[in-house]
């Protein structure tokens, strides 16, 4: 699964609950970075990091994919 820039921005601006602690921690870190620099470049970098995480841990992220696809 790959998220779009729009979905990533929704994740970075929202308060969604996920079952995987690692993904929640990644989003918390990226939210702080994006809040300090809300540029398109920062959004693209965050989108890339989210997609890398989702690709690497896709086997344990199945439950959270449902939440992400609804964004």
PDB file of N, CA and C in Angstrom:
ATOM      1  N   UNK A   1       0.837  -1.183   0.000  1.00  0.00           N
ATOM      2  CA  UNK A   1       0.000   0.000   0.000  1.00  0.00           C
ATOM      3  C   UNK A   1       0.878   1.242   0.000  1.00  0.00           C
ATOM      4  N   UNK A   2       0.508   2.203  -0.782  1.00  0.00           N
ATOM      5  CA  UNK A   2       1.198   3.482  -0.843  1.00  0.00           C
ATOM      6  C   UNK A   2       0.201   4.589  -0.528  1.00  0.00           C
ATOM      7  N   UNK A   3       0.625   5.557   0.279  1.00  0.00           N
ATOM      8  CA  UNK A   3      -0.237   6.700   0.555  1.00  0.00           C
ATOM      9  C   UNK A   3       0.124   7.832  -0.402  1.00  0.00           C
ATOM     10  N   UNK A   4      -0.865   8.635  -0.719  1.00  0.00           N
ATOM     11  CA  UNK A   4      -0.646   9.806  -1.555  1.00  0.00           C
ATOM     12  C   UNK A   4      -0.221  10.973  -0.663  1.00  0.00           C
ATOM     13  N   UNK A   5       0.209  12.034  -1.289  1.00  0.00           N
ATOM     14  CA  UNK A   5       0.570  13.232  -0.521  1.00  0.00           C
ATOM     15  C   UNK A   5      -0.627  13.772   0.248  1.00  0.00           C
ATOM     16  N   UNK A   6      -1.800  13.699  -0.372  1.00  0.00           N
ATOM     17  CA  UNK A   6      -3.013  14.175   0.296  1.00  0.00           C
ATOM     18  C   UNK A   6      -3.317  13.347   1.542  1.00  0.00           C
ATOM     19  N   UNK A   7      -3.189  12.013   1.426  1.00  0.00           N
ATOM     20  CA  UNK A   7      -3.426  11.141   2.576  1.00  0.00           C
ATOM     21  C   UNK A   7      -2.376  11.390   3.661  1.00  0.00           C
ATOM     22  N   UNK A   8      -1.132  11.578   3.246  1.00  0.00           N
ATOM     23  CA  UNK A   8      -0.073  11.841   4.222  1.00  0.00           C
ATOM     24  C   UNK A   8      -0.345  13.144   4.971  1.00  0.00           C
ATOM     25  N   UNK A   9      -0.783  14.156   4.244  1.00  0.00           N
ATOM     26  CA  UNK A   9      -1.082  15.429   4.902  1.00  0.00           C
ATOM     27  C   UNK A   9      -2.230  15.264   5.889  1.00  0.00           C
ATOM     28  N   UNK A  10      -3.229  14.474   5.533  1.00  0.00           N
ATOM     29  CA  UNK A  10      -4.342  14.195   6.443  1.00  0.00           C
ATOM     30  C   UNK A  10      -3.838  13.484   7.694  1.00  0.00           C
ATOM     31  N   UNK A  11      -2.928  12.532   7.517  1.00  0.00           N
ATOM     32  CA  UNK A  11      -2.343  11.839   8.672  1.00  0.00           C
ATOM     33  C   UNK A  11      -1.553  12.803   9.548  1.00  0.00           C
ATOM     34  N   UNK A  12      -0.815  13.716   8.926  1.00  0.00           N
ATOM     35  CA  UNK A  12       0.036  14.632   9.677  1.00  0.00           C
ATOM     36  C   UNK A  12      -0.746  15.732  10.378  1.00  0.00           C
ATOM     37  N   UNK A  13      -1.934  16.010   9.922  1.00  0.00           N
ATOM     38  CA  UNK A  13      -2.748  17.062  10.539  1.00  0.00           C
ATOM     39  C   UNK A  13      -3.835  16.513  11.458  1.00  0.00           C
ATOM     40  N   UNK A  14      -4.099  15.221  11.389  1.00  0.00           N
ATOM     41  CA  UNK A  14      -5.209  14.641  12.141  1.00  0.00           C
ATOM     42  C   UNK A  14      -4.781  13.920  13.405  1.00  0.00           C
ATOM     43  N   UNK A  15      -5.768  13.377  14.074  1.00  0.00           N
ATOM     44  CA  UNK A  15      -5.560  12.568  15.276  1.00  0.00           C
ATOM     45  C   UNK A  15      -6.218  11.216  15.071  1.00  0.00           C
ATOM     46  N   UNK A  16      -5.544  10.361  14.343  1.00  0.00           N
ATOM     47  CA  UNK A  16      -6.052   9.030  14.065  1.00  0.00           C
ATOM     48  C   UNK A  16      -5.405   8.041  15.029  1.00  0.00           C
ATOM     49  N   UNK A  17      -6.132   6.997  15.350  1.00  0.00           N
ATOM     50  CA  UNK A  17      -5.631   5.964  16.243  1.00  0.00           C
ATOM     51  C   UNK A  17      -5.269   4.730  15.431  1.00  0.00           C
ATOM     52  N   UNK A  18      -4.065   4.220  15.670  1.00  0.00           N
ATOM     53  CA  UNK A  18      -3.593   3.036  14.966  1.00  0.00           C
ATOM     54  C   UNK A  18      -3.190   1.967  15.962  1.00  0.00           C
ATOM     55  N   UNK A  19      -3.291   0.713  15.547  1.00  0.00           N
ATOM     56  CA  UNK A  19      -2.977  -0.390  16.449  1.00  0.00           C
ATOM     57  C   UNK A  19      -1.481  -0.603  16.609  1.00  0.00           C
ATOM     58  N   UNK A  20      -0.699  -0.214  15.617  1.00  0.00           N
ATOM     59  CA  UNK A  20       0.746  -0.427  15.662  1.00  0.00           C
ATOM     60  C   UNK A  20       1.447   0.774  16.302  1.00  0.00           C
ATOM     61  N   UNK A  21       2.090   0.526  17.415  1.00  0.00           N
ATOM     62  CA  UNK A  21       2.777   1.580  18.156  1.00  0.00           C
ATOM     63  C   UNK A  21       3.872   2.221  17.310  1.00  0.00           C
ATOM     64  N   UNK A  22       4.604   1.424  16.562  1.00  0.00           N
ATOM     65  CA  UNK A  22       5.684   1.958  15.736  1.00  0.00           C
ATOM     66  C   UNK A  22       5.190   2.973  14.722  1.00  0.00           C
ATOM     67  N   UNK A  23       4.052   2.688  14.104  1.00  0.00           N
ATOM     68  CA  UNK A  23       3.482   3.617  13.130  1.00  0.00           C
ATOM     69  C   UNK A  23       3.011   4.891  13.817  1.00  0.00           C
ATOM     70  N   UNK A  24       2.407   4.755  14.982  1.00  0.00           N
ATOM     71  CA  UNK A  24       1.968   5.929  15.742  1.00  0.00           C
ATOM     72  C   UNK A  24       3.154   6.799  16.138  1.00  0.00           C
ATOM     73  N   UNK A  25       4.243   6.164  16.523  1.00  0.00           N
ATOM     74  CA  UNK A  25       5.444   6.925  16.897  1.00  0.00           C
ATOM     75  C   UNK A  25       6.037   7.637  15.679  1.00  0.00           C
ATOM     76  N   UNK A  26       6.043   6.965  14.531  1.00  0.00           N
ATOM     77  CA  UNK A  26       6.524   7.597  13.307  1.00  0.00           C
ATOM     78  C   UNK A  26       5.691   8.834  12.995  1.00  0.00           C
ATOM     79  N   UNK A  27       4.378   8.708  13.069  1.00  0.00           N
ATOM     80  CA  UNK A  27       3.508   9.845  12.780  1.00  0.00           C
ATOM     81  C   UNK A  27       3.707  10.983  13.764  1.00  0.00           C
ATOM     82  N   UNK A  28       3.914  10.672  15.028  1.00  0.00           N
ATOM     83  CA  UNK A  28       4.154  11.713  16.027  1.00  0.00           C
ATOM     84  C   UNK A  28       5.412  12.508  15.692  1.00  0.00           C
ATOM     85  N   UNK A  29       6.463  11.793  15.311  1.00  0.00           N
ATOM     86  CA  UNK A  29       7.714  12.472  14.935  1.00  0.00           C
ATOM     87  C   UNK A  29       7.521  13.321  13.687  1.00  0.00           C
ATOM     88  N   UNK A  30       6.863  12.762  12.680  1.00  0.00           N
ATOM     89  CA  UNK A  30       6.656  13.489  11.432  1.00  0.00           C
ATOM     90  C   UNK A  30       5.714  14.679  11.607  1.00  0.00           C
ATOM     91  N   UNK A  31       4.722  14.549  12.498  1.00  0.00           N
ATOM     92  CA  UNK A  31       3.817  15.664  12.772  1.00  0.00           C
ATOM     93  C   UNK A  31       4.587  16.860  13.328  1.00  0.00           C
ATOM     94  N   UNK A  32       5.535  16.585  14.229  1.00  0.00           N
ATOM     95  CA  UNK A  32       6.347  17.660  14.786  1.00  0.00           C
ATOM     96  C   UNK A  32       7.201  18.338  13.731  1.00  0.00           C
ATOM     97  N   UNK A  33       7.803  17.546  12.871  1.00  0.00           N
ATOM     98  CA  UNK A  33       8.623  18.108  11.797  1.00  0.00           C
ATOM     99  C   UNK A  33       7.773  18.919  10.819  1.00  0.00           C
ATOM    100  N   UNK A  34       6.610  18.387  10.485  1.00  0.00           N
ATOM    101  CA  UNK A  34       5.737  19.064   9.529  1.00  0.00           C
ATOM    102  C   UNK A  34       5.146  20.341  10.134  1.00  0.00           C
ATOM    103  N   UNK A  35       4.882  20.340  11.420  1.00  0.00           N
ATOM    104  CA  UNK A  35       4.358  21.545  12.079  1.00  0.00           C
ATOM    105  C   UNK A  35       5.389  22.676  12.039  1.00  0.00           C
ATOM    106  N   UNK A  36       6.667  22.318  12.152  1.00  0.00           N
ATOM    107  CA  UNK A  36       7.726  23.322  12.105  1.00  0.00           C
ATOM    108  C   UNK A  36       8.044  23.776  10.682  1.00  0.00           C
ATOM    109  N   UNK A  37       7.773  22.933   9.693  1.00  0.00           N
ATOM    110  CA  UNK A  37       8.069  23.240   8.300  1.00  0.00           C
ATOM    111  C   UNK A  37       6.978  22.650   7.406  1.00  0.00           C
ATOM    112  N   UNK A  38       5.857  23.365   7.250  1.00  0.00           N
ATOM    113  CA  UNK A  38       4.748  22.823   6.456  1.00  0.00           C
ATOM    114  C   UNK A  38       4.902  23.026   4.942  1.00  0.00           C
ATOM    115  N   UNK A  39       6.117  22.883   4.446  1.00  0.00           N
ATOM    116  CA  UNK A  39       6.372  23.074   3.022  1.00  0.00           C
ATOM    117  C   UNK A  39       6.032  21.810   2.227  1.00  0.00           C
ATOM    118  N   UNK A  40       5.956  21.972   0.926  1.00  0.00           N
ATOM    119  CA  UNK A  40       5.687  20.841   0.038  1.00  0.00           C
ATOM    120  C   UNK A  40       6.834  19.838   0.101  1.00  0.00           C
ATOM    121  N   UNK A  41       8.044  20.323   0.244  1.00  0.00           N
ATOM    122  CA  UNK A  41       9.214  19.434   0.338  1.00  0.00           C
ATOM    123  C   UNK A  41       9.138  18.568   1.591  1.00  0.00           C
ATOM    124  N   UNK A  42       8.765  19.163   2.710  1.00  0.00           N
ATOM    125  CA  UNK A  42       8.626  18.404   3.960  1.00  0.00           C
ATOM    126  C   UNK A  42       7.508  17.372   3.848  1.00  0.00           C
ATOM    127  N   UNK A  43       6.433  17.735   3.162  1.00  0.00           N
ATOM    128  CA  UNK A  43       5.322  16.808   2.966  1.00  0.00           C
ATOM    129  C   UNK A  43       5.761  15.622   2.103  1.00  0.00           C
ATOM    130  N   UNK A  44       6.524  15.879   1.055  1.00  0.00           N
ATOM    131  CA  UNK A  44       7.005  14.801   0.191  1.00  0.00           C
ATOM    132  C   UNK A  44       7.948  13.869   0.943  1.00  0.00           C
ATOM    133  N   UNK A  45       8.808  14.453   1.770  1.00  0.00           N
ATOM    134  CA  UNK A  45       9.734  13.635   2.565  1.00  0.00           C
ATOM    135  C   UNK A  45       8.953  12.761   3.557  1.00  0.00           C
ATOM    136  N   UNK A  46       7.959  13.342   4.197  1.00  0.00           N
ATOM    137  CA  UNK A  46       7.128  12.588   5.145  1.00  0.00           C
ATOM    138  C   UNK A  46       6.353  11.485   4.442  1.00  0.00           C
ATOM    139  N   UNK A  47       5.831  11.780   3.260  1.00  0.00           N
ATOM    140  CA  UNK A  47       5.107  10.781   2.477  1.00  0.00           C
ATOM    141  C   UNK A  47       6.021   9.609   2.156  1.00  0.00           C
ATOM    142  N   UNK A  48       7.259   9.913   1.779  1.00  0.00           N
ATOM    143  CA  UNK A  48       8.231   8.862   1.483  1.00  0.00           C
ATOM    144  C   UNK A  48       8.524   7.994   2.691  1.00  0.00           C
ATOM    145  N   UNK A  49       8.698   8.618   3.857  1.00  0.00           N
ATOM    146  CA  UNK A  49       8.977   7.850   5.073  1.00  0.00           C
ATOM    147  C   UNK A  49       7.791   6.969   5.464  1.00  0.00           C
ATOM    148  N   UNK A  50       6.592   7.511   5.332  1.00  0.00           N
ATOM    149  CA  UNK A  50       5.399   6.726   5.649  1.00  0.00           C
ATOM    150  C   UNK A  50       5.309   5.528   4.716  1.00  0.00           C
ATOM    151  N   UNK A  51       5.531   5.749   3.430  1.00  0.00           N
ATOM    152  CA  UNK A  51       5.451   4.655   2.460  1.00  0.00           C
ATOM    153  C   UNK A  51       6.530   3.605   2.694  1.00  0.00           C
ATOM    154  N   UNK A  52       7.724   4.018   3.079  1.00  0.00           N
ATOM    155  CA  UNK A  52       8.774   3.049   3.399  1.00  0.00           C
ATOM    156  C   UNK A  52       8.367   2.183   4.582  1.00  0.00           C
ATOM    157  N   UNK A  53       7.815   2.823   5.606  1.00  0.00           N
ATOM    158  CA  UNK A  53       7.376   2.085   6.788  1.00  0.00           C
ATOM    159  C   UNK A  53       6.266   1.097   6.429  1.00  0.00           C
ATOM    160  N   UNK A  54       5.281   1.568   5.675  1.00  0.00           N
ATOM    161  CA  UNK A  54       4.164   0.707   5.304  1.00  0.00           C
ATOM    162  C   UNK A  54       4.614  -0.470   4.456  1.00  0.00           C
ATOM    163  N   UNK A  55       5.572  -0.233   3.575  1.00  0.00           N
ATOM    164  CA  UNK A  55       6.081  -1.312   2.736  1.00  0.00           C
ATOM    165  C   UNK A  55       6.857  -2.334   3.564  1.00  0.00           C
ATOM    166  N   UNK A  56       7.661  -1.844   4.481  1.00  0.00           N
ATOM    167  CA  UNK A  56       8.496  -2.729   5.301  1.00  0.00           C
ATOM    168  C   UNK A  56       7.660  -3.569   6.268  1.00  0.00           C
ATOM    169  N   UNK A  57       6.625  -2.976   6.829  1.00  0.00           N
ATOM    170  CA  UNK A  57       5.836  -3.651   7.857  1.00  0.00           C
ATOM    171  C   UNK A  57       4.417  -3.969   7.397  1.00  0.00           C
ATOM    172  N   UNK A  58       4.236  -4.209   6.108  1.00  0.00           N
ATOM    173  CA  UNK A  58       2.893  -4.455   5.578  1.00  0.00           C
ATOM    174  C   UNK A  58       2.222  -5.673   6.191  1.00  0.00           C
ATOM    175  N   UNK A  59       3.006  -6.653   6.611  1.00  0.00           N
ATOM    176  CA  UNK A  59       2.407  -7.868   7.180  1.00  0.00           C
ATOM    177  C   UNK A  59       1.732  -7.608   8.532  1.00  0.00           C
ATOM    178  N   UNK A  60       2.199  -6.627   9.286  1.00  0.00           N
ATOM    179  CA  UNK A  60       1.583  -6.334  10.584  1.00  0.00           C
ATOM    180  C   UNK A  60       0.659  -5.120  10.547  1.00  0.00           C
ATOM    181  N   UNK A  61       0.608  -4.438   9.404  1.00  0.00           N
ATOM    182  CA  UNK A  61      -0.178  -3.205   9.292  1.00  0.00           C
ATOM    183  C   UNK A  61      -1.556  -3.423   8.680  1.00  0.00           C
ATOM    184  N   UNK A  62      -1.956  -4.664   8.445  1.00  0.00           N
ATOM    185  CA  UNK A  62      -3.211  -4.937   7.739  1.00  0.00           C
ATOM    186  C   UNK A  62      -4.416  -4.270   8.389  1.00  0.00           C
ATOM    187  N   UNK A  63      -4.507  -4.312   9.706  1.00  0.00           N
ATOM    188  CA  UNK A  63      -5.649  -3.702  10.398  1.00  0.00           C
ATOM    189  C   UNK A  63      -5.674  -2.186  10.211  1.00  0.00           C
ATOM    190  N   UNK A  64      -4.503  -1.572  10.178  1.00  0.00           N
ATOM    191  CA  UNK A  64      -4.428  -0.118  10.038  1.00  0.00           C
ATOM    192  C   UNK A  64      -4.614   0.339   8.596  1.00  0.00           C
ATOM    193  N   UNK A  65      -4.406  -0.543   7.631  1.00  0.00           N
ATOM    194  CA  UNK A  65      -4.621  -0.182   6.228  1.00  0.00           C
ATOM    195  C   UNK A  65      -6.066   0.251   5.991  1.00  0.00           C
ATOM    196  N   UNK A  66      -6.992  -0.361   6.704  1.00  0.00           N
ATOM    197  CA  UNK A  66      -8.406   0.002   6.557  1.00  0.00           C
ATOM    198  C   UNK A  66      -8.609   1.464   6.942  1.00  0.00           C
ATOM    199  N   UNK A  67      -8.015   1.884   8.034  1.00  0.00           N
ATOM    200  CA  UNK A  67      -8.135   3.271   8.478  1.00  0.00           C
ATOM    201  C   UNK A  67      -7.490   4.208   7.477  1.00  0.00           C
ATOM    202  N   UNK A  68      -6.317   3.847   6.989  1.00  0.00           N
ATOM    203  CA  UNK A  68      -5.592   4.715   6.058  1.00  0.00           C
ATOM    204  C   UNK A  68      -6.340   4.861   4.743  1.00  0.00           C
ATOM    205  N   UNK A  69      -6.912   3.780   4.238  1.00  0.00           N
ATOM    206  CA  UNK A  69      -7.605   3.860   2.952  1.00  0.00           C
ATOM    207  C   UNK A  69      -8.868   4.717   3.025  1.00  0.00           C
ATOM    208  N   UNK A  70      -9.389   4.923   4.188  1.00  0.00           N
ATOM    209  CA  UNK A  70     -10.584   5.769   4.345  1.00  0.00           C
ATOM    210  C   UNK A  70     -10.266   7.253   4.377  1.00  0.00           C
ATOM    211  N   UNK A  71      -8.997   7.601   4.370  1.00  0.00           N
ATOM    212  CA  UNK A  71      -8.602   9.021   4.423  1.00  0.00           C
ATOM    213  C   UNK A  71      -8.843   9.718   3.102  1.00  0.00           C
TER     214      UNK A  71
END
